[in-house]
Amino acid sequence: MTARRPGPTVRTKVTELRPDGEQLREDRLATEEPLEIRMTWPGSAPRRIWVTMRTPGHDFELAAGYAVHEGLLGPDLLRGVAYCTDEDLTPRQEYNVVTVTLGGPPWHDPGQRHGGFGAGAACGVCGKDSIEEVLSLPRSQPWGGAVPSDDVVRELPERLRRAQTVFARTGGVHAAGLFDADGVPLVVREDIGRHNAVDKTSGARLLAGRAPAAACLVVSGRAGFELVQKAVAVGHGCLVAVGAPSSLAVDLARDAGLGLYGFTSERRVVRYA
């Protein structure tokens, strides 16, 4: 059986129930598939570091972004990402297992905190063993460049929305985008998991040979702790969310010097940090 690479959407038959009767039609769903991320470096066999549910597409970016957000590597250590080619993989696994290759050992042992854990699509810091471990996650140097003005910040969710092609077809995915201080999009990614979308943006920058930090990270939903942590880990200037932040997200943003905005629309925005 030849494996078929999954796409970001799938077709399905549905029954739409209206006041004037039923209508049979075709609909599109956002694809949800597991992705197993493995890591290897000289002298070490590939080892599983994470399993997450994601929307297929930009899988290598997701793996690279996840690794940098977890403090496992920096740009100089990453050598490449590829689909696993083990002969014992089933056809379903062939495009759902990727291996991150490093030029040397990771900055800390993945097995101490990450090995064997799994995650749902909504999970960002699942699997951590203690509150202390969550609060001691990696941090980069604070952003030292320009950040968007308040007027630009209010426009960013709509600019992100215009790039959400999978959402336009399914209504079932989150989005994250990196923007410069003038509000120009640098990279936009979508995924059924909000944290995956953020991982993909940093991974895209890494695999393009650029530093992952940007003036602004924009997300289509709320600003939970795990998204602020990822922004802090790579040194973004600010995080702009369409929804509300959580209390711990605000605490971390203030402590780390990250600008944090919520309830952002063209009419208003609330700054929390």
C-alpha atoms as a PDB file:
ATOM      1  CA  MET A   1       0.000   0.000   0.000  1.00  0.00           C
ATOM      2  CA  THR A   2       1.437   3.384  -1.032  1.00  0.00           C
ATOM      3  CA  ALA A   3       1.181   6.133   1.563  1.00  0.00           C
ATOM      4  CA  ARG A   4      -0.735   9.212   0.597  1.00  0.00           C
ATOM      5  CA  ARG A   5       0.509  12.467   2.037  1.00  0.00           C
ATOM      6  CA  PRO A   6      -2.346  14.068   4.011  1.00  0.00           C
ATOM      7  CA  GLY A   7      -3.442  17.561   3.080  1.00  0.00           C
ATOM      8  CA  PRO A   8      -4.764  20.374   5.298  1.00  0.00           C
ATOM      9  CA  THR A   9      -8.428  19.703   4.441  1.00  0.00           C
ATOM     10  CA  VAL A  10     -10.657  16.725   3.640  1.00  0.00           C
ATOM     11  CA  ARG A  11     -14.054  16.485   1.943  1.00  0.00           C
ATOM     12  CA  THR A  12     -17.052  14.978   3.706  1.00  0.00           C
ATOM     13  CA  LYS A  13     -20.806  14.586   3.123  1.00  0.00           C
ATOM     14  CA  VAL A  14     -23.057  16.431   5.568  1.00  0.00           C
ATOM     15  CA  THR A  15     -26.745  17.080   6.163  1.00  0.00           C
ATOM     16  CA  GLU A  16     -27.594  20.718   6.758  1.00  0.00           C
ATOM     17  CA  LEU A  17     -30.781  21.158   8.769  1.00  0.00           C
ATOM     18  CA  ARG A  18     -32.768  24.279   7.906  1.00  0.00           C
ATOM     19  CA  PRO A  19     -36.222  25.501   8.934  1.00  0.00           C
ATOM     20  CA  ASP A  20     -37.436  24.698   5.403  1.00  0.00           C
ATOM     21  CA  GLY A  21     -35.972  21.173   5.375  1.00  0.00           C
ATOM     22  CA  GLU A  22     -32.797  19.145   4.996  1.00  0.00           C
ATOM     23  CA  GLN A  23     -30.087  19.747   2.434  1.00  0.00           C
ATOM     24  CA  LEU A  24     -27.397  17.197   1.548  1.00  0.00           C
ATOM     25  CA  ARG A  25     -24.124  18.777   0.502  1.00  0.00           C
ATOM     26  CA  GLU A  26     -20.366  18.437   0.561  1.00  0.00           C
ATOM     27  CA  ASP A  27     -18.338  20.192   3.229  1.00  0.00           C
ATOM     28  CA  ARG A  28     -14.643  20.590   4.027  1.00  0.00           C
ATOM     29  CA  LEU A  29     -13.047  19.762   7.356  1.00  0.00           C
ATOM     30  CA  ALA A  30      -9.675  20.759   8.739  1.00  0.00           C
ATOM     31  CA  THR A  31      -7.485  17.655   8.759  1.00  0.00           C
ATOM     32  CA  GLU A  32      -6.317  16.381  12.149  1.00  0.00           C
ATOM     33  CA  GLU A  33      -3.483  13.845  12.200  1.00  0.00           C
ATOM     34  CA  PRO A  34      -0.837  12.874  14.766  1.00  0.00           C
ATOM     35  CA  LEU A  35       2.739  14.022  14.270  1.00  0.00           C
ATOM     36  CA  GLU A  36       5.575  12.265  16.066  1.00  0.00           C
ATOM     37  CA  ILE A  37       8.720  14.360  16.395  1.00  0.00           C
ATOM     38  CA  ARG A  38      12.040  12.560  16.811  1.00  0.00           C
ATOM     39  CA  MET A  39      15.496  14.014  17.396  1.00  0.00           C
ATOM     40  CA  THR A  40      18.970  12.733  16.589  1.00  0.00           C
ATOM     41  CA  TRP A  41      22.540  14.027  16.852  1.00  0.00           C
ATOM     42  CA  PRO A  42      25.999  12.481  16.355  1.00  0.00           C
ATOM     43  CA  GLY A  43      26.330   9.402  18.532  1.00  0.00           C
ATOM     44  CA  SER A  44      22.610   9.248  19.382  1.00  0.00           C
ATOM     45  CA  ALA A  45      19.930   7.125  17.717  1.00  0.00           C
ATOM     46  CA  PRO A  46      16.698   8.985  16.851  1.00  0.00           C
ATOM     47  CA  ARG A  47      14.477   9.331  19.914  1.00  0.00           C
ATOM     48  CA  ARG A  48      10.890  10.462  20.259  1.00  0.00           C
ATOM     49  CA  ILE A  49      10.551  13.830  21.981  1.00  0.00           C
ATOM     50  CA  TRP A  50       6.905  14.731  21.330  1.00  0.00           C
ATOM     51  CA  VAL A  51       3.644  13.584  19.760  1.00  0.00           C
ATOM     52  CA  THR A  52       1.003  16.170  18.913  1.00  0.00           C
ATOM     53  CA  MET A  53      -2.206  16.371  16.929  1.00  0.00           C
ATOM     54  CA  ARG A  54      -1.832  18.828  14.063  1.00  0.00           C
ATOM     55  CA  THR A  55      -3.094  19.923  10.667  1.00  0.00           C
ATOM     56  CA  PRO A  56      -0.705  18.464   8.052  1.00  0.00           C
ATOM     57  CA  GLY A  57       1.349  21.017   6.189  1.00  0.00           C
ATOM     58  CA  HIS A  58       4.616  22.710   7.147  1.00  0.00           C
ATOM     59  CA  ASP A  59       5.466  19.705   9.319  1.00  0.00           C
ATOM     60  CA  PHE A  60       9.204  20.415   9.258  1.00  0.00           C
ATOM     61  CA  GLU A  61       8.556  23.958  10.452  1.00  0.00           C
ATOM     62  CA  LEU A  62       6.378  22.640  13.262  1.00  0.00           C
ATOM     63  CA  ALA A  63       9.121  20.289  14.454  1.00  0.00           C
ATOM     64  CA  ALA A  64      11.865  22.915  14.278  1.00  0.00           C
ATOM     65  CA  GLY A  65       9.719  25.565  15.952  1.00  0.00           C
ATOM     66  CA  TYR A  66       8.678  23.227  18.742  1.00  0.00           C
ATOM     67  CA  ALA A  67      12.320  22.357  19.444  1.00  0.00           C
ATOM     68  CA  VAL A  68      13.478  25.973  19.628  1.00  0.00           C
ATOM     69  CA  HIS A  69      10.525  26.987  21.825  1.00  0.00           C
ATOM     70  CA  GLU A  70      11.402  24.182  24.234  1.00  0.00           C
ATOM     71  CA  GLY A  71      14.989  25.408  24.498  1.00  0.00           C
ATOM     72  CA  LEU A  72      16.461  22.324  22.840  1.00  0.00           C
ATOM     73  CA  LEU A  73      18.394  24.107  20.092  1.00  0.00           C
ATOM     74  CA  GLY A  74      19.336  27.331  18.377  1.00  0.00           C
ATOM     75  CA  PRO A  75      19.813  28.109  14.675  1.00  0.00           C
ATOM     76  CA  ASP A  76      23.474  27.064  14.673  1.00  0.00           C
ATOM     77  CA  LEU A  77      22.675  23.590  16.026  1.00  0.00           C
ATOM     78  CA  LEU A  78      19.917  22.655  13.575  1.00  0.00           C
ATOM     79  CA  ARG A  79      21.084  20.593  10.606  1.00  0.00           C
ATOM     80  CA  GLY A  80      17.769  19.591   9.051  1.00  0.00           C
ATOM     81  CA  VAL A  81      14.313  18.046   9.384  1.00  0.00           C
ATOM     82  CA  ALA A  82      12.988  15.139   7.303  1.00  0.00           C
ATOM     83  CA  TYR A  83      10.240  12.543   7.272  1.00  0.00           C
ATOM     84  CA  CYS A  84      11.307   9.304   8.913  1.00  0.00           C
ATOM     85  CA  THR A  85      12.095   6.470   6.495  1.00  0.00           C
ATOM     86  CA  ASP A  86      12.201   3.501   8.894  1.00  0.00           C
ATOM     87  CA  GLU A  87      11.137   0.329   7.106  1.00  0.00           C
ATOM     88  CA  ASP A  88       8.806  -0.693   9.932  1.00  0.00           C
ATOM     89  CA  LEU A  89       6.585   2.385   9.576  1.00  0.00           C
ATOM     90  CA  THR A  90       3.028   1.730   8.472  1.00  0.00           C
ATOM     91  CA  PRO A  91       1.644   3.695   5.490  1.00  0.00           C
ATOM     92  CA  ARG A  92      -0.357   5.836   7.956  1.00  0.00           C
ATOM     93  CA  GLN A  93       2.855   6.705   9.826  1.00  0.00           C
ATOM     94  CA  GLU A  94       4.983   7.534   6.797  1.00  0.00           C
ATOM     95  CA  TYR A  95       4.108  11.212   6.632  1.00  0.00           C
ATOM     96  CA  ASN A  96       3.325  11.532  10.341  1.00  0.00           C
ATOM     97  CA  VAL A  97       6.824  10.992  11.762  1.00  0.00           C
ATOM     98  CA  VAL A  98       9.614  13.533  11.330  1.00  0.00           C
ATOM     99  CA  THR A  99      13.201  13.574  12.565  1.00  0.00           C
ATOM    100  CA  VAL A 100      15.070  16.715  13.617  1.00  0.00           C
ATOM    101  CA  THR A 101      18.822  16.319  13.047  1.00  0.00           C
ATOM    102  CA  LEU A 102      21.280  18.334  15.131  1.00  0.00           C
ATOM    103  CA  GLY A 103      24.984  18.975  14.663  1.00  0.00           C
ATOM    104  CA  GLY A 104      25.640  18.153  18.316  1.00  0.00           C
ATOM    105  CA  PRO A 105      23.788  17.335  21.542  1.00  0.00           C
ATOM    106  CA  PRO A 106      20.695  19.450  22.334  1.00  0.00           C
ATOM    107  CA  TRP A 107      20.970  22.149  24.966  1.00  0.00           C
ATOM    108  CA  HIS A 108      19.340  19.812  27.493  1.00  0.00           C
ATOM    109  CA  ASP A 109      18.313  16.165  27.470  1.00  0.00           C
ATOM    110  CA  PRO A 110      14.878  15.837  25.819  1.00  0.00           C
ATOM    111  CA  GLY A 111      14.252  12.667  27.807  1.00  0.00           C
ATOM    112  CA  GLN A 112      14.368  14.504  31.105  1.00  0.00           C
ATOM    113  CA  ARG A 113      11.279  16.564  30.373  1.00  0.00           C
ATOM    114  CA  HIS A 114       9.827  15.626  27.003  1.00  0.00           C
ATOM    115  CA  GLY A 115      10.364  11.979  26.193  1.00  0.00           C
ATOM    116  CA  GLY A 116       7.235   9.903  25.855  1.00  0.00           C
ATOM    117  CA  PHE A 117       4.692  12.643  26.367  1.00  0.00           C
ATOM    118  CA  GLY A 118       1.782  13.131  24.030  1.00  0.00           C
ATOM    119  CA  ALA A 119      -0.436  16.107  23.389  1.00  0.00           C
ATOM    120  CA  GLY A 120      -3.813  17.019  22.048  1.00  0.00           C
ATOM    121  CA  ALA A 121      -4.325  19.808  19.542  1.00  0.00           C
ATOM    122  CA  ALA A 122      -5.050  22.327  22.311  1.00  0.00           C
ATOM    123  CA  CYS A 123      -2.011  21.431  24.396  1.00  0.00           C
ATOM    124  CA  GLY A 124       0.942  23.758  24.703  1.00  0.00           C
ATOM    125  CA  VAL A 125       2.817  22.902  27.886  1.00  0.00           C
ATOM    126  CA  CYS A 126       1.226  19.523  28.561  1.00  0.00           C
ATOM    127  CA  GLY A 127       3.470  16.905  30.121  1.00  0.00           C
ATOM    128  CA  LYS A 128       5.491  19.224  32.320  1.00  0.00           C
ATOM    129  CA  ASP A 129       6.135  17.629  35.679  1.00  0.00           C
ATOM    130  CA  SER A 130       5.788  20.621  37.996  1.00  0.00           C
ATOM    131  CA  ILE A 131       4.803  24.270  38.290  1.00  0.00           C
ATOM    132  CA  GLU A 132       8.474  25.137  38.778  1.00  0.00           C
ATOM    133  CA  GLU A 133       9.344  23.441  35.487  1.00  0.00           C
ATOM    134  CA  VAL A 134       6.677  25.386  33.603  1.00  0.00           C
ATOM    135  CA  LEU A 135       7.853  28.708  35.025  1.00  0.00           C
ATOM    136  CA  SER A 136      11.507  27.959  34.244  1.00  0.00           C
ATOM    137  CA  LEU A 137      10.958  27.431  30.517  1.00  0.00           C
ATOM    138  CA  PRO A 138      13.531  29.074  28.187  1.00  0.00           C
ATOM    139  CA  ARG A 139      13.713  32.814  27.575  1.00  0.00           C
ATOM    140  CA  SER A 140      15.549  34.778  24.919  1.00  0.00           C
ATOM    141  CA  GLN A 141      16.882  38.293  25.142  1.00  0.00           C
ATOM    142  CA  PRO A 142      14.039  40.865  25.066  1.00  0.00           C
ATOM    143  CA  TRP A 143      13.270  42.443  21.691  1.00  0.00           C
ATOM    144  CA  GLY A 144      15.358  45.558  21.148  1.00  0.00           C
ATOM    145  CA  GLY A 145      13.829  46.876  17.935  1.00  0.00           C
ATOM    146  CA  ALA A 146      10.734  48.834  16.982  1.00  0.00           C
ATOM    147  CA  VAL A 147       7.241  47.471  17.646  1.00  0.00           C
ATOM    148  CA  PRO A 148       3.933  48.321  15.947  1.00  0.00           C
ATOM    149  CA  SER A 149       2.119  51.493  16.924  1.00  0.00           C
ATOM    150  CA  ASP A 150      -1.317  51.250  18.529  1.00  0.00           C
ATOM    151  CA  ASP A 151      -2.955  52.080  15.188  1.00  0.00           C
ATOM    152  CA  VAL A 152      -1.086  49.261  13.461  1.00  0.00           C
ATOM    153  CA  VAL A 153      -1.853  46.825  16.294  1.00  0.00           C
ATOM    154  CA  ARG A 154      -5.597  47.331  15.798  1.00  0.00           C
ATOM    155  CA  GLU A 155      -5.243  46.398  12.106  1.00  0.00           C
ATOM    156  CA  LEU A 156      -3.195  43.234  12.619  1.00  0.00           C
ATOM    157  CA  PRO A 157      -6.000  40.690  13.221  1.00  0.00           C
ATOM    158  CA  GLU A 158      -7.664  41.657   9.938  1.00  0.00           C
ATOM    159  CA  ARG A 159      -4.345  41.441   8.108  1.00  0.00           C
ATOM    160  CA  LEU A 160      -3.871  37.974   9.622  1.00  0.00           C
ATOM    161  CA  ARG A 161      -7.419  36.997   8.654  1.00  0.00           C
ATOM    162  CA  ARG A 162      -6.831  37.813   4.993  1.00  0.00           C
ATOM    163  CA  ALA A 163      -4.054  35.197   4.908  1.00  0.00           C
ATOM    164  CA  GLN A 164      -6.101  32.395   6.526  1.00  0.00           C
ATOM    165  CA  THR A 165      -6.864  30.269   3.477  1.00  0.00           C
ATOM    166  CA  VAL A 166      -7.591  27.015   5.352  1.00  0.00           C
ATOM    167  CA  PHE A 167      -9.903  28.809   7.790  1.00  0.00           C
ATOM    168  CA  ALA A 168     -11.786  30.289   4.842  1.00  0.00           C
ATOM    169  CA  ARG A 169     -12.518  26.755   3.590  1.00  0.00           C
ATOM    170  CA  THR A 170     -13.199  25.027   6.911  1.00  0.00           C
ATOM    171  CA  GLY A 171     -13.720  27.504   9.746  1.00  0.00           C
ATOM    172  CA  GLY A 172     -11.815  25.011  11.880  1.00  0.00           C
ATOM    173  CA  VAL A 173      -8.212  26.173  12.363  1.00  0.00           C
ATOM    174  CA  HIS A 174      -6.231  28.733  14.321  1.00  0.00           C
ATOM    175  CA  ALA A 175      -3.680  31.074  12.787  1.00  0.00           C
ATOM    176  CA  ALA A 176      -0.458  32.735  13.885  1.00  0.00           C
ATOM    177  CA  GLY A 177       1.558  35.310  12.010  1.00  0.00           C
ATOM    178  CA  LEU A 178       4.790  37.228  12.410  1.00  0.00           C
ATOM    179  CA  PHE A 179       4.711  40.897  11.412  1.00  0.00           C
ATOM    180  CA  ASP A 180       7.265  43.672  11.296  1.00  0.00           C
ATOM    181  CA  ALA A 181       6.808  46.991  13.090  1.00  0.00           C
ATOM    182  CA  ASP A 182       4.955  48.440  10.085  1.00  0.00           C
ATOM    183  CA  GLY A 183       2.446  45.584  10.091  1.00  0.00           C
ATOM    184  CA  VAL A 184       3.887  43.812   7.051  1.00  0.00           C
ATOM    185  CA  PRO A 185       3.391  40.023   7.308  1.00  0.00           C
ATOM    186  CA  LEU A 186       6.603  37.976   7.404  1.00  0.00           C
ATOM    187  CA  VAL A 187       5.031  34.516   7.727  1.00  0.00           C
ATOM    188  CA  VAL A 188       1.492  33.243   8.459  1.00  0.00           C
ATOM    189  CA  ARG A 189       0.646  29.652   9.367  1.00  0.00           C
ATOM    190  CA  GLU A 190      -2.560  27.782  10.248  1.00  0.00           C
ATOM    191  CA  ASP A 191      -3.200  24.679  12.330  1.00  0.00           C
ATOM    192  CA  ILE A 192      -5.941  22.991  14.319  1.00  0.00           C
ATOM    193  CA  GLY A 193      -3.723  23.590  17.365  1.00  0.00           C
ATOM    194  CA  ARG A 194      -2.998  27.210  18.244  1.00  0.00           C
ATOM    195  CA  HIS A 195       0.389  26.323  19.702  1.00  0.00           C
ATOM    196  CA  ASN A 196       1.269  24.370  16.536  1.00  0.00           C
ATOM    197  CA  ALA A 197       0.560  27.424  14.398  1.00  0.00           C
ATOM    198  CA  VAL A 198       2.976  29.442  16.535  1.00  0.00           C
ATOM    199  CA  ASP A 199       5.599  26.676  16.322  1.00  0.00           C
ATOM    200  CA  LYS A 200       5.284  26.735  12.529  1.00  0.00           C
ATOM    201  CA  THR A 201       5.992  30.470  12.342  1.00  0.00           C
ATOM    202  CA  SER A 202       9.258  30.166  14.281  1.00  0.00           C
ATOM    203  CA  GLY A 203      10.183  27.014  12.365  1.00  0.00           C
ATOM    204  CA  ALA A 204       9.622  28.779   9.051  1.00  0.00           C
ATOM    205  CA  ARG A 205      12.078  31.479  10.033  1.00  0.00           C
ATOM    206  CA  LEU A 206      14.644  28.962  11.276  1.00  0.00           C
ATOM    207  CA  LEU A 207      14.506  26.793   8.164  1.00  0.00           C
ATOM    208  CA  ALA A 208      14.842  29.916   6.002  1.00  0.00           C
ATOM    209  CA  GLY A 209      18.087  30.754   7.813  1.00  0.00           C
ATOM    210  CA  ARG A 210      16.620  33.706   9.728  1.00  0.00           C
ATOM    211  CA  ALA A 211      16.366  34.437  13.435  1.00  0.00           C
ATOM    212  CA  PRO A 212      12.882  33.490  14.697  1.00  0.00           C
ATOM    213  CA  ALA A 213      12.288  36.729  16.621  1.00  0.00           C
ATOM    214  CA  ALA A 214      10.025  39.377  15.074  1.00  0.00           C
ATOM    215  CA  ALA A 215       8.483  42.652  16.125  1.00  0.00           C
ATOM    216  CA  CYS A 216       5.061  41.086  16.611  1.00  0.00           C
ATOM    217  CA  LEU A 217       3.374  37.693  16.896  1.00  0.00           C
ATOM    218  CA  VAL A 218      -0.353  37.781  16.109  1.00  0.00           C
ATOM    219  CA  VAL A 219      -2.714  34.938  17.048  1.00  0.00           C
ATOM    220  CA  SER A 220      -6.324  34.385  16.035  1.00  0.00           C
ATOM    221  CA  GLY A 221      -7.624  33.322  19.462  1.00  0.00           C
ATOM    222  CA  ARG A 222      -6.841  33.905  23.107  1.00  0.00           C
ATOM    223  CA  ALA A 223      -3.403  34.502  24.607  1.00  0.00           C
ATOM    224  CA  GLY A 224      -2.767  31.625  26.979  1.00  0.00           C
ATOM    225  CA  PHE A 225       0.412  31.121  28.968  1.00  0.00           C
ATOM    226  CA  GLU A 226       1.819  28.649  26.456  1.00  0.00           C
ATOM    227  CA  LEU A 227       1.677  31.191  23.622  1.00  0.00           C
ATOM    228  CA  VAL A 228       3.322  33.899  25.710  1.00  0.00           C
ATOM    229  CA  GLN A 229       6.004  31.383  26.709  1.00  0.00           C
ATOM    230  CA  LYS A 230       6.765  30.647  23.055  1.00  0.00           C
ATOM    231  CA  ALA A 231       6.952  34.366  22.259  1.00  0.00           C
ATOM    232  CA  VAL A 232       9.314  34.934  25.170  1.00  0.00           C
ATOM    233  CA  ALA A 233      11.428  31.899  24.236  1.00  0.00           C
ATOM    234  CA  VAL A 234      12.461  33.416  20.902  1.00  0.00           C
ATOM    235  CA  GLY A 235      12.341  37.105  21.864  1.00  0.00           C
ATOM    236  CA  HIS A 236       9.358  38.580  19.996  1.00  0.00           C
ATOM    237  CA  GLY A 237       8.590  42.217  20.653  1.00  0.00           C
ATOM    238  CA  CYS A 238       4.891  41.795  21.387  1.00  0.00           C
ATOM    239  CA  LEU A 239       1.999  39.377  21.143  1.00  0.00           C
ATOM    240  CA  VAL A 240      -1.363  40.504  19.765  1.00  0.00           C
ATOM    241  CA  ALA A 241      -4.422  38.305  20.393  1.00  0.00           C
ATOM    242  CA  VAL A 242      -7.989  38.521  19.187  1.00  0.00           C
ATOM    243  CA  GLY A 243      -9.233  37.092  22.496  1.00  0.00           C
ATOM    244  CA  ALA A 244      -8.388  37.480  26.162  1.00  0.00           C
ATOM    245  CA  PRO A 245      -5.142  36.615  27.927  1.00  0.00           C
ATOM    246  CA  SER A 246      -4.967  34.486  31.059  1.00  0.00           C
ATOM    247  CA  SER A 247      -3.636  35.711  34.394  1.00  0.00           C
ATOM    248  CA  LEU A 248      -0.424  33.695  34.130  1.00  0.00           C
ATOM    249  CA  ALA A 249       0.108  34.900  30.547  1.00  0.00           C
ATOM    250  CA  VAL A 250      -0.045  38.508  31.745  1.00  0.00           C
ATOM    251  CA  ASP A 251       2.325  37.790  34.645  1.00  0.00           C
ATOM    252  CA  LEU A 252       4.906  36.191  32.346  1.00  0.00           C
ATOM    253  CA  ALA A 253       4.633  38.935  29.712  1.00  0.00           C
ATOM    254  CA  ARG A 254       5.176  41.670  32.300  1.00  0.00           C
ATOM    255  CA  ASP A 255       8.076  39.812  33.881  1.00  0.00           C
ATOM    256  CA  ALA A 256       9.750  39.194  30.515  1.00  0.00           C
ATOM    257  CA  GLY A 257       9.157  42.617  28.992  1.00  0.00           C
ATOM    258  CA  LEU A 258       6.861  41.304  26.244  1.00  0.00           C
ATOM    259  CA  GLY A 259       4.141  43.623  24.984  1.00  0.00           C
ATOM    260  CA  LEU A 260       0.762  41.861  25.296  1.00  0.00           C
ATOM    261  CA  TYR A 261      -2.515  42.935  23.683  1.00  0.00           C
ATOM    262  CA  GLY A 262      -5.949  41.323  23.861  1.00  0.00           C
ATOM    263  CA  PHE A 263      -9.474  41.868  22.518  1.00  0.00           C
ATOM    264  CA  THR A 264      -7.887  43.368  19.416  1.00  0.00           C
ATOM    265  CA  SER A 265     -10.076  44.709  16.623  1.00  0.00           C
ATOM    266  CA  GLU A 266     -10.147  47.712  14.316  1.00  0.00           C
ATOM    267  CA  ARG A 267     -12.257  49.559  16.908  1.00  0.00           C
ATOM    268  CA  ARG A 268     -10.197  48.950  20.057  1.00  0.00           C
ATOM    269  CA  VAL A 269      -7.438  46.976  21.760  1.00  0.00           C
ATOM    270  CA  VAL A 270      -6.543  46.348  25.404  1.00  0.00           C
ATOM    271  CA  ARG A 271      -2.895  46.430  26.434  1.00  0.00           C
ATOM    272  CA  TYR A 272      -1.982  44.211  29.383  1.00  0.00           C
ATOM    273  CA  ALA A 273       1.827  44.469  29.371  1.00  0.00           C
END
